[in-house]
Amino acid sequence: MKENIALFLAILYLIYRYKTYKNVNKIIEDRIENVHRSFFKRIQDVLQCSKEDAEKVGLALDKYFVPLKSKFYKIDNNTYSFVDEGGFKGSFSIDQNYNLLTLEYNGVDLLALH
């Protein structure tokens, strides 16, 4: 009898977790679609690269809290600058594999802090 009740409660818990995680995943997907896609598109436009490479650079920048509404500008072949809505400026450089080499934001080298 106790085993049946425990099994029943375990099944109810699994159903609850499935529905909860399904909702959380939907919220995360919506955020990626609505917020990050435009961020990745702006990066892709300035880098003139594929969507996958732009996402790689965008996720690396997002990891260091570069504002998602930043505007990007090309300085030279591998160096780019960005300005956020508050007017703070930053720059980053990448290698041929689209890995971050430097990242400076508001006068602070963020990669050196890592």
N, C-alpha and C. Protein backbone atom coordinates (compact mmCIF):
# COMPACT_ATOMS: atom_id res chain seq x y z
N MET A 1 0.82 -1.19 0.00
CA MET A 1 0.00 0.00 0.00
C MET A 1 0.87 1.27 0.00
N LYS A 2 1.90 1.29 0.87
CA LYS A 2 2.78 2.44 0.94
C LYS A 2 3.55 2.62 -0.36
N GLU A 3 3.91 1.50 -0.99
CA GLU A 3 4.64 1.58 -2.26
C GLU A 3 3.77 2.19 -3.35
N ASN A 4 2.49 1.84 -3.35
CA ASN A 4 1.56 2.37 -4.35
C ASN A 4 1.36 3.87 -4.18
N ILE A 5 1.27 4.30 -2.95
CA ILE A 5 1.11 5.75 -2.68
C ILE A 5 2.38 6.49 -3.08
N ALA A 6 3.54 5.93 -2.75
CA ALA A 6 4.81 6.55 -3.11
C ALA A 6 4.96 6.62 -4.63
N LEU A 7 4.58 5.55 -5.32
CA LEU A 7 4.65 5.53 -6.78
C LEU A 7 3.71 6.57 -7.38
N PHE A 8 2.51 6.65 -6.85
CA PHE A 8 1.54 7.63 -7.32
C PHE A 8 2.04 9.07 -7.11
N LEU A 9 2.60 9.34 -5.95
CA LEU A 9 3.14 10.68 -5.68
C LEU A 9 4.33 10.99 -6.58
N ALA A 10 5.16 10.00 -6.85
CA ALA A 10 6.31 10.21 -7.74
C ALA A 10 5.83 10.53 -9.15
N ILE A 11 4.81 9.84 -9.62
CA ILE A 11 4.26 10.12 -10.95
C ILE A 11 3.65 11.51 -11.01
N LEU A 12 2.91 11.89 -9.97
CA LEU A 12 2.36 13.26 -9.93
C LEU A 12 3.46 14.31 -9.94
N TYR A 13 4.54 14.07 -9.21
CA TYR A 13 5.67 15.01 -9.18
C TYR A 13 6.31 15.12 -10.56
N LEU A 14 6.49 14.00 -11.24
CA LEU A 14 7.08 14.03 -12.58
C LEU A 14 6.19 14.79 -13.57
N ILE A 15 4.91 14.61 -13.47
CA ILE A 15 3.98 15.36 -14.33
C ILE A 15 4.08 16.85 -14.03
N TYR A 16 4.11 17.21 -12.76
CA TYR A 16 4.25 18.61 -12.36
C TYR A 16 5.54 19.21 -12.90
N ARG A 17 6.67 18.49 -12.76
CA ARG A 17 7.95 19.00 -13.26
C ARG A 17 7.94 19.15 -14.76
N TYR A 18 7.36 18.21 -15.46
CA TYR A 18 7.29 18.28 -16.92
C TYR A 18 6.53 19.53 -17.36
N LYS A 19 5.38 19.79 -16.75
CA LYS A 19 4.59 20.96 -17.13
C LYS A 19 5.29 22.26 -16.76
N THR A 20 5.94 22.28 -15.61
CA THR A 20 6.66 23.48 -15.17
C THR A 20 7.83 23.78 -16.10
N TYR A 21 8.64 22.78 -16.39
CA TYR A 21 9.79 22.99 -17.26
C TYR A 21 9.37 23.32 -18.68
N LYS A 22 8.24 22.79 -19.11
CA LYS A 22 7.72 23.12 -20.44
C LYS A 22 7.40 24.61 -20.51
N ASN A 23 6.80 25.16 -19.47
CA ASN A 23 6.49 26.59 -19.43
C ASN A 23 7.76 27.43 -19.36
N VAL A 24 8.71 27.01 -18.56
CA VAL A 24 9.98 27.74 -18.44
C VAL A 24 10.72 27.75 -19.77
N ASN A 25 10.77 26.61 -20.43
CA ASN A 25 11.44 26.53 -21.73
C ASN A 25 10.77 27.42 -22.75
N LYS A 26 9.46 27.52 -22.71
CA LYS A 26 8.73 28.39 -23.63
C LYS A 26 9.09 29.86 -23.37
N ILE A 27 9.21 30.25 -22.12
CA ILE A 27 9.59 31.63 -21.77
C ILE A 27 11.00 31.92 -22.26
N ILE A 28 11.92 30.97 -22.08
CA ILE A 28 13.29 31.15 -22.53
C ILE A 28 13.35 31.26 -24.05
N GLU A 29 12.63 30.41 -24.75
CA GLU A 29 12.61 30.48 -26.22
C GLU A 29 12.04 31.80 -26.71
N ASP A 30 10.98 32.29 -26.06
CA ASP A 30 10.41 33.58 -26.45
C ASP A 30 11.40 34.71 -26.23
N ARG A 31 12.12 34.67 -25.12
CA ARG A 31 13.11 35.71 -24.86
C ARG A 31 14.22 35.67 -25.90
N ILE A 32 14.68 34.48 -26.24
CA ILE A 32 15.72 34.37 -27.26
C ILE A 32 15.21 34.91 -28.59
N GLU A 33 14.00 34.55 -28.93
CA GLU A 33 13.44 34.96 -30.21
C GLU A 33 13.24 36.48 -30.26
N ASN A 34 12.71 37.06 -29.20
CA ASN A 34 12.35 38.48 -29.23
C ASN A 34 13.50 39.42 -28.92
N VAL A 35 14.38 39.03 -28.05
CA VAL A 35 15.45 39.93 -27.61
C VAL A 35 16.78 39.60 -28.27
N HIS A 36 17.21 38.38 -28.16
CA HIS A 36 18.53 38.02 -28.64
C HIS A 36 18.63 37.98 -30.17
N ARG A 37 17.57 37.64 -30.86
CA ARG A 37 17.65 37.56 -32.33
C ARG A 37 18.02 38.90 -32.94
N SER A 38 17.45 39.99 -32.45
CA SER A 38 17.81 41.30 -33.00
C SER A 38 19.24 41.67 -32.63
N PHE A 39 19.69 41.27 -31.44
CA PHE A 39 21.07 41.48 -31.01
C PHE A 39 22.03 40.73 -31.94
N PHE A 40 21.72 39.45 -32.20
CA PHE A 40 22.55 38.65 -33.10
C PHE A 40 22.54 39.22 -34.52
N LYS A 41 21.40 39.73 -34.96
CA LYS A 41 21.29 40.29 -36.31
C LYS A 41 22.16 41.53 -36.45
N ARG A 42 22.18 42.40 -35.43
CA ARG A 42 23.04 43.59 -35.49
C ARG A 42 24.51 43.19 -35.53
N ILE A 43 24.87 42.16 -34.78
CA ILE A 43 26.25 41.67 -34.81
C ILE A 43 26.57 41.09 -36.18
N GLN A 44 25.65 40.31 -36.73
CA GLN A 44 25.87 39.71 -38.04
C GLN A 44 26.03 40.78 -39.11
N ASP A 45 25.28 41.85 -39.02
CA ASP A 45 25.37 42.93 -40.00
C ASP A 45 26.74 43.61 -39.96
N VAL A 46 27.27 43.85 -38.78
CA VAL A 46 28.55 44.55 -38.68
C VAL A 46 29.72 43.61 -38.98
N LEU A 47 29.62 42.34 -38.59
CA LEU A 47 30.71 41.40 -38.83
C LEU A 47 30.69 40.85 -40.26
N GLN A 48 29.56 40.93 -40.91
CA GLN A 48 29.39 40.34 -42.24
C GLN A 48 29.75 38.86 -42.21
N CYS A 49 29.10 38.12 -41.31
CA CYS A 49 29.39 36.70 -41.12
C CYS A 49 28.11 35.89 -41.14
N SER A 50 28.23 34.61 -40.92
CA SER A 50 27.07 33.74 -40.89
C SER A 50 26.28 33.94 -39.59
N LYS A 51 25.07 33.43 -39.60
CA LYS A 51 24.21 33.53 -38.43
C LYS A 51 24.81 32.80 -37.23
N GLU A 52 25.41 31.64 -37.48
CA GLU A 52 26.00 30.85 -36.40
C GLU A 52 27.20 31.55 -35.78
N ASP A 53 28.03 32.18 -36.62
CA ASP A 53 29.19 32.91 -36.09
C ASP A 53 28.74 34.14 -35.31
N ALA A 54 27.70 34.81 -35.79
CA ALA A 54 27.17 35.97 -35.07
C ALA A 54 26.61 35.56 -33.72
N GLU A 55 25.95 34.41 -33.66
CA GLU A 55 25.44 33.92 -32.38
C GLU A 55 26.58 33.58 -31.43
N LYS A 56 27.65 33.02 -31.96
CA LYS A 56 28.82 32.69 -31.13
C LYS A 56 29.40 33.95 -30.50
N VAL A 57 29.59 34.99 -31.31
CA VAL A 57 30.12 36.26 -30.79
C VAL A 57 29.10 36.90 -29.85
N GLY A 58 27.83 36.88 -30.23
CA GLY A 58 26.79 37.48 -29.40
C GLY A 58 26.68 36.83 -28.04
N LEU A 59 26.75 35.52 -27.98
CA LEU A 59 26.69 34.83 -26.69
C LEU A 59 27.92 35.13 -25.84
N ALA A 60 29.08 35.27 -26.48
CA ALA A 60 30.30 35.63 -25.73
C ALA A 60 30.17 37.05 -25.17
N LEU A 61 29.62 37.97 -25.96
CA LEU A 61 29.42 39.33 -25.47
C LEU A 61 28.37 39.37 -24.36
N ASP A 62 27.31 38.60 -24.54
CA ASP A 62 26.25 38.55 -23.53
C ASP A 62 26.77 37.96 -22.23
N LYS A 63 27.71 37.05 -22.31
CA LYS A 63 28.31 36.46 -21.11
C LYS A 63 28.95 37.52 -20.23
N TYR A 64 29.52 38.55 -20.87
CA TYR A 64 30.17 39.64 -20.14
C TYR A 64 29.25 40.85 -19.99
N PHE A 65 27.95 40.65 -20.14
CA PHE A 65 26.92 41.65 -19.89
C PHE A 65 27.00 42.87 -20.78
N VAL A 66 27.41 42.68 -22.03
CA VAL A 66 27.32 43.77 -22.99
C VAL A 66 25.83 44.01 -23.23
N PRO A 67 25.35 45.24 -23.10
CA PRO A 67 23.92 45.51 -23.23
C PRO A 67 23.35 45.02 -24.57
N LEU A 68 22.18 44.41 -24.50
CA LEU A 68 21.56 43.81 -25.68
C LEU A 68 21.10 44.84 -26.70
N LYS A 69 20.94 46.09 -26.30
CA LYS A 69 20.49 47.12 -27.24
C LYS A 69 21.63 47.97 -27.77
N SER A 70 22.84 47.46 -27.68
CA SER A 70 24.01 48.19 -28.17
C SER A 70 23.99 48.28 -29.69
N LYS A 71 24.62 49.35 -30.18
CA LYS A 71 24.81 49.51 -31.61
C LYS A 71 26.28 49.24 -31.90
N PHE A 72 26.55 48.54 -32.99
CA PHE A 72 27.89 48.09 -33.30
C PHE A 72 28.45 48.81 -34.52
N TYR A 73 29.78 49.05 -34.49
CA TYR A 73 30.47 49.73 -35.58
C TYR A 73 31.79 49.02 -35.84
N LYS A 74 32.20 49.02 -37.09
CA LYS A 74 33.45 48.38 -37.46
C LYS A 74 34.58 49.40 -37.39
N ILE A 75 35.68 49.05 -36.72
CA ILE A 75 36.85 49.92 -36.65
C ILE A 75 37.86 49.49 -37.71
N ASP A 76 38.25 48.21 -37.69
CA ASP A 76 39.11 47.64 -38.74
C ASP A 76 38.71 46.18 -38.92
N ASN A 77 39.56 45.39 -39.55
CA ASN A 77 39.20 44.02 -39.92
C ASN A 77 38.72 43.16 -38.75
N ASN A 78 39.37 43.25 -37.61
CA ASN A 78 39.03 42.39 -36.48
C ASN A 78 38.60 43.14 -35.24
N THR A 79 38.47 44.44 -35.30
CA THR A 79 38.13 45.24 -34.14
C THR A 79 36.83 45.98 -34.39
N TYR A 80 35.97 45.95 -33.40
CA TYR A 80 34.64 46.56 -33.51
C TYR A 80 34.35 47.34 -32.24
N SER A 81 33.51 48.34 -32.37
CA SER A 81 33.11 49.12 -31.20
C SER A 81 31.60 49.01 -31.04
N PHE A 82 31.15 49.34 -29.84
CA PHE A 82 29.71 49.36 -29.59
C PHE A 82 29.40 50.49 -28.61
N VAL A 83 28.18 50.98 -28.72
CA VAL A 83 27.69 52.04 -27.84
C VAL A 83 26.33 51.59 -27.34
N ASP A 84 26.13 51.65 -26.01
CA ASP A 84 24.83 51.27 -25.48
C ASP A 84 23.92 52.49 -25.42
N GLU A 85 22.70 52.30 -24.97
CA GLU A 85 21.72 53.39 -24.94
C GLU A 85 22.13 54.52 -24.01
N GLY A 86 22.90 54.22 -22.98
CA GLY A 86 23.34 55.24 -22.03
C GLY A 86 24.55 56.03 -22.50
N GLY A 87 25.09 55.68 -23.66
CA GLY A 87 26.25 56.38 -24.20
C GLY A 87 27.58 55.78 -23.81
N PHE A 88 27.57 54.71 -23.03
CA PHE A 88 28.82 54.06 -22.67
C PHE A 88 29.38 53.34 -23.89
N LYS A 89 30.69 53.42 -24.04
CA LYS A 89 31.33 52.85 -25.23
C LYS A 89 32.20 51.67 -24.86
N GLY A 90 32.37 50.80 -25.81
CA GLY A 90 33.21 49.65 -25.62
C GLY A 90 33.76 49.18 -26.95
N SER A 91 34.67 48.25 -26.89
CA SER A 91 35.22 47.69 -28.12
C SER A 91 35.60 46.24 -27.86
N PHE A 92 35.66 45.49 -28.93
CA PHE A 92 36.08 44.11 -28.84
C PHE A 92 36.79 43.72 -30.13
N SER A 93 37.63 42.72 -30.02
CA SER A 93 38.30 42.19 -31.21
C SER A 93 38.11 40.68 -31.21
N ILE A 94 38.12 40.13 -32.42
CA ILE A 94 37.90 38.70 -32.59
C ILE A 94 39.00 38.12 -33.48
N ASP A 95 39.19 36.81 -33.39
CA ASP A 95 40.13 36.15 -34.29
C ASP A 95 39.36 35.59 -35.48
N GLN A 96 40.03 34.87 -36.37
CA GLN A 96 39.39 34.35 -37.58
C GLN A 96 38.34 33.29 -37.27
N ASN A 97 38.36 32.72 -36.06
CA ASN A 97 37.37 31.72 -35.66
C ASN A 97 36.24 32.33 -34.83
N TYR A 98 36.19 33.65 -34.80
CA TYR A 98 35.16 34.42 -34.09
C TYR A 98 35.19 34.19 -32.58
N ASN A 99 36.36 34.04 -32.04
CA ASN A 99 36.56 34.00 -30.59
C ASN A 99 36.97 35.38 -30.12
N LEU A 100 36.50 35.80 -28.95
CA LEU A 100 36.88 37.11 -28.42
C LEU A 100 38.34 37.13 -28.01
N LEU A 101 39.05 38.13 -28.48
CA LEU A 101 40.44 38.32 -28.06
C LEU A 101 40.53 39.40 -27.00
N THR A 102 39.81 40.49 -27.21
CA THR A 102 39.76 41.58 -26.23
C THR A 102 38.33 42.04 -26.10
N LEU A 103 38.00 42.57 -24.94
CA LEU A 103 36.68 43.15 -24.70
C LEU A 103 36.84 44.25 -23.66
N GLU A 104 36.69 45.46 -24.10
CA GLU A 104 36.80 46.61 -23.21
C GLU A 104 35.46 47.33 -23.20
N TYR A 105 34.97 47.63 -22.01
CA TYR A 105 33.69 48.30 -21.87
C TYR A 105 33.82 49.39 -20.82
N ASN A 106 33.57 50.61 -21.23
CA ASN A 106 33.63 51.76 -20.34
C ASN A 106 35.00 51.86 -19.66
N GLY A 107 36.05 51.59 -20.43
CA GLY A 107 37.41 51.73 -19.93
C GLY A 107 37.92 50.56 -19.11
N VAL A 108 37.17 49.47 -19.01
CA VAL A 108 37.58 48.32 -18.21
C VAL A 108 37.74 47.11 -19.14
N ASP A 109 38.89 46.44 -19.04
CA ASP A 109 39.12 45.23 -19.82
C ASP A 109 38.41 44.06 -19.14
N LEU A 110 37.26 43.67 -19.68
CA LEU A 110 36.45 42.65 -19.03
C LEU A 110 37.07 41.26 -19.11
N LEU A 111 37.81 40.97 -20.15
CA LEU A 111 38.44 39.65 -20.26
C LEU A 111 39.56 39.48 -19.23
N ALA A 112 40.21 40.58 -18.85
CA ALA A 112 41.27 40.51 -17.85
C ALA A 112 40.68 40.22 -16.46
N LEU A 113 39.44 40.61 -16.24
CA LEU A 113 38.80 40.36 -14.96
C LEU A 113 38.39 38.90 -14.80
N HIS A 114 38.25 38.21 -15.90
CA HIS A 114 37.80 36.82 -15.87
C HIS A 114 38.94 35.97 -15.43
